[in-house]
Amino acid sequence: MQLNQLTPNHKPRKSRRVGRGGKRGTYSGRGMKGQKSRAGRKMQPAVRELIKKYPKLRGYRFNPKYSSRVIVKLEDLEKNFEPGEKVSPQILVEKKIIRKSKGRVPEVKILASGKIEKKLDIENCLFSKTAKEAVEKAGGTIK
């Protein structure tokens, strides 16, 4: 026989449920008032310091990195512009292809879905690699 094979010869004692009437009522052995007598988690000082460092709801907001970027397809430019015409975010807003967000003209990224055969002058826009190639192949210029 070894120590790990030994088992107790009696039933385990049931733990007393405190605070449900009877001899341990009212304060249930916790004393009176104060943080230690309350239910729930007691905050450790380290955790409390971390929480206090976070800003409250005054001015701090999470701003997604690309919230004001709008995607425009090459086929949209093909439909809405004449050959030789100028394309910029401001002009796209005027033609109602894109909308302002929070009163600002958003950043525009042009993606290469669809074909383009018109010669367009494009300014202040971001491009995907294939969209840039397609615009230059059609004879357009990018600034």
Protein backbone atom coordinates (compact mmCIF):
# COMPACT_ATOMS: atom_id res chain seq x y z
CA MET A 1 0.00 0.00 0.00
CA GLN A 2 1.18 3.50 -0.85
CA LEU A 3 0.20 7.00 0.33
CA ASN A 4 -1.69 7.79 -2.87
CA GLN A 5 -3.91 4.74 -2.33
CA LEU A 6 -5.12 5.85 1.09
CA THR A 7 -8.70 7.12 1.30
CA PRO A 8 -10.54 8.69 4.26
CA ASN A 9 -12.83 6.36 6.23
CA HIS A 10 -15.54 9.02 6.87
CA LYS A 11 -17.92 11.14 4.82
CA PRO A 12 -16.72 14.66 3.90
CA ARG A 13 -18.26 17.40 6.06
CA LYS A 14 -20.81 19.54 4.23
CA SER A 15 -19.93 23.22 4.08
CA ARG A 16 -22.32 25.53 5.90
CA ARG A 17 -24.39 27.85 3.69
CA VAL A 18 -24.27 31.17 5.43
CA GLY A 19 -26.80 34.00 5.28
CA ARG A 20 -30.03 32.08 4.86
CA GLY A 21 -31.72 32.54 8.21
CA GLY A 22 -31.06 30.65 11.46
CA LYS A 23 -28.04 31.24 13.65
CA ARG A 24 -25.93 33.02 11.02
CA GLY A 25 -28.43 35.49 9.62
CA THR A 26 -28.14 39.27 9.16
CA TYR A 27 -24.42 39.86 8.52
CA SER A 28 -23.49 36.21 7.92
CA GLY A 29 -20.11 36.42 9.64
CA ARG A 30 -18.89 39.24 7.39
CA GLY A 31 -19.10 42.03 9.92
CA MET A 32 -20.90 45.28 9.20
CA LYS A 33 -20.81 47.42 6.07
CA GLY A 34 -17.74 48.27 4.03
CA GLN A 35 -16.24 46.81 0.87
CA LYS A 36 -15.27 43.50 2.47
CA SER A 37 -18.82 42.79 3.55
CA ARG A 38 -20.32 43.28 0.10
CA ALA A 39 -21.10 40.55 -2.39
CA GLY A 40 -19.19 40.32 -5.63
CA ARG A 41 -15.54 40.68 -6.55
CA LYS A 42 -13.16 42.70 -4.44
CA MET A 43 -10.98 44.89 -6.63
CA GLN A 44 -7.25 44.55 -6.25
CA PRO A 45 -5.29 47.80 -6.24
CA ALA A 46 -3.42 46.92 -9.46
CA VAL A 47 -6.64 46.34 -11.40
CA ARG A 48 -8.18 49.51 -10.02
CA GLU A 49 -5.20 51.59 -11.18
CA LEU A 50 -5.54 50.21 -14.71
CA ILE A 51 -9.24 51.04 -14.82
CA LYS A 52 -8.64 54.57 -13.58
CA LYS A 53 -6.16 55.22 -16.41
CA TYR A 54 -8.81 54.74 -19.11
CA PRO A 55 -10.44 57.97 -20.26
CA LYS A 56 -14.11 58.47 -19.49
CA LEU A 57 -16.71 59.35 -22.11
CA ARG A 58 -15.62 62.96 -22.52
CA GLY A 59 -13.63 62.97 -25.73
CA TYR A 60 -12.08 59.58 -26.34
CA ARG A 61 -13.56 57.61 -29.21
CA PHE A 62 -12.22 54.76 -31.28
CA ASN A 63 -11.72 55.87 -34.87
CA PRO A 64 -11.42 53.08 -37.42
CA LYS A 65 -8.42 53.57 -39.69
CA TYR A 66 -10.24 53.57 -43.03
CA SER A 67 -13.67 54.85 -42.01
CA SER A 68 -13.79 57.62 -44.63
CA ARG A 69 -12.45 55.63 -47.58
CA VAL A 70 -14.92 54.97 -50.40
CA ILE A 71 -14.52 52.41 -53.17
CA VAL A 72 -15.32 53.30 -56.78
CA LYS A 73 -15.25 50.78 -59.64
CA LEU A 74 -13.84 51.40 -63.09
CA GLU A 75 -17.23 50.60 -64.63
CA ASP A 76 -18.75 53.53 -62.65
CA LEU A 77 -16.17 55.90 -64.17
CA GLU A 78 -16.89 54.45 -67.62
CA LYS A 79 -20.65 55.11 -67.27
CA ASN A 80 -20.57 58.59 -65.74
CA PHE A 81 -17.68 60.39 -67.46
CA GLU A 82 -16.96 61.52 -71.00
CA PRO A 83 -13.52 60.95 -72.62
CA GLY A 84 -10.92 63.54 -71.56
CA GLU A 85 -12.91 64.58 -68.50
CA LYS A 86 -11.29 65.21 -65.10
CA VAL A 87 -12.03 62.85 -62.16
CA SER A 88 -11.44 63.79 -58.51
CA PRO A 89 -13.22 63.06 -55.21
CA GLN A 90 -14.92 66.50 -55.31
CA ILE A 91 -16.27 65.88 -58.83
CA LEU A 92 -17.49 62.40 -57.81
CA VAL A 93 -19.46 64.03 -54.97
CA GLU A 94 -20.95 66.63 -57.36
CA LYS A 95 -22.05 63.89 -59.79
CA LYS A 96 -23.56 61.99 -56.83
CA ILE A 97 -21.48 58.86 -57.40
CA ILE A 98 -20.24 59.08 -53.81
CA ARG A 99 -21.49 60.98 -50.74
CA LYS A 100 -19.80 63.13 -48.14
CA SER A 101 -19.33 61.51 -44.77
CA LYS A 102 -19.60 63.75 -41.69
CA GLY A 103 -19.46 66.82 -43.92
CA ARG A 104 -16.16 65.84 -45.53
CA VAL A 105 -15.23 64.60 -48.97
CA PRO A 106 -13.99 61.04 -48.36
CA GLU A 107 -10.82 59.37 -49.62
CA VAL A 108 -11.50 57.51 -52.88
CA LYS A 109 -9.95 54.22 -53.93
CA ILE A 110 -10.50 53.00 -57.46
CA LEU A 111 -10.73 49.25 -57.98
CA ALA A 112 -10.44 47.37 -61.25
CA SER A 113 -13.86 45.75 -61.56
CA GLY A 114 -15.21 46.32 -65.05
CA LYS A 115 -13.47 47.71 -68.11
CA ILE A 116 -12.47 51.24 -69.01
CA GLU A 117 -11.80 52.48 -72.53
CA LYS A 118 -12.19 56.22 -72.04
CA LYS A 119 -9.23 58.54 -71.59
CA LEU A 120 -9.67 60.15 -68.15
CA ASP A 121 -7.53 62.48 -66.03
CA ILE A 122 -7.70 61.21 -62.44
CA GLU A 123 -6.50 63.25 -59.44
CA ASN A 124 -6.25 62.69 -55.66
CA CYS A 125 -7.40 59.08 -55.75
CA LEU A 126 -5.87 55.83 -54.54
CA PHE A 127 -5.66 52.89 -56.93
CA SER A 128 -5.36 49.15 -56.90
CA LYS A 129 -2.46 47.89 -58.99
CA THR A 130 -4.68 46.48 -61.78
CA ALA A 131 -6.90 49.58 -61.87
CA LYS A 132 -3.84 51.79 -62.36
CA GLU A 133 -2.66 49.60 -65.24
CA ALA A 134 -6.12 49.64 -66.84
CA VAL A 135 -6.39 53.46 -66.71
CA GLU A 136 -2.91 53.91 -68.19
CA LYS A 137 -3.64 51.31 -70.89
CA ALA A 138 -6.75 53.27 -71.91
CA GLY A 139 -4.57 56.41 -72.28
CA GLY A 140 -5.63 58.14 -69.06
CA THR A 141 -3.37 60.10 -66.74
CA ILE A 142 -2.96 59.77 -62.98
CA LYS A 143 -1.83 62.64 -60.71
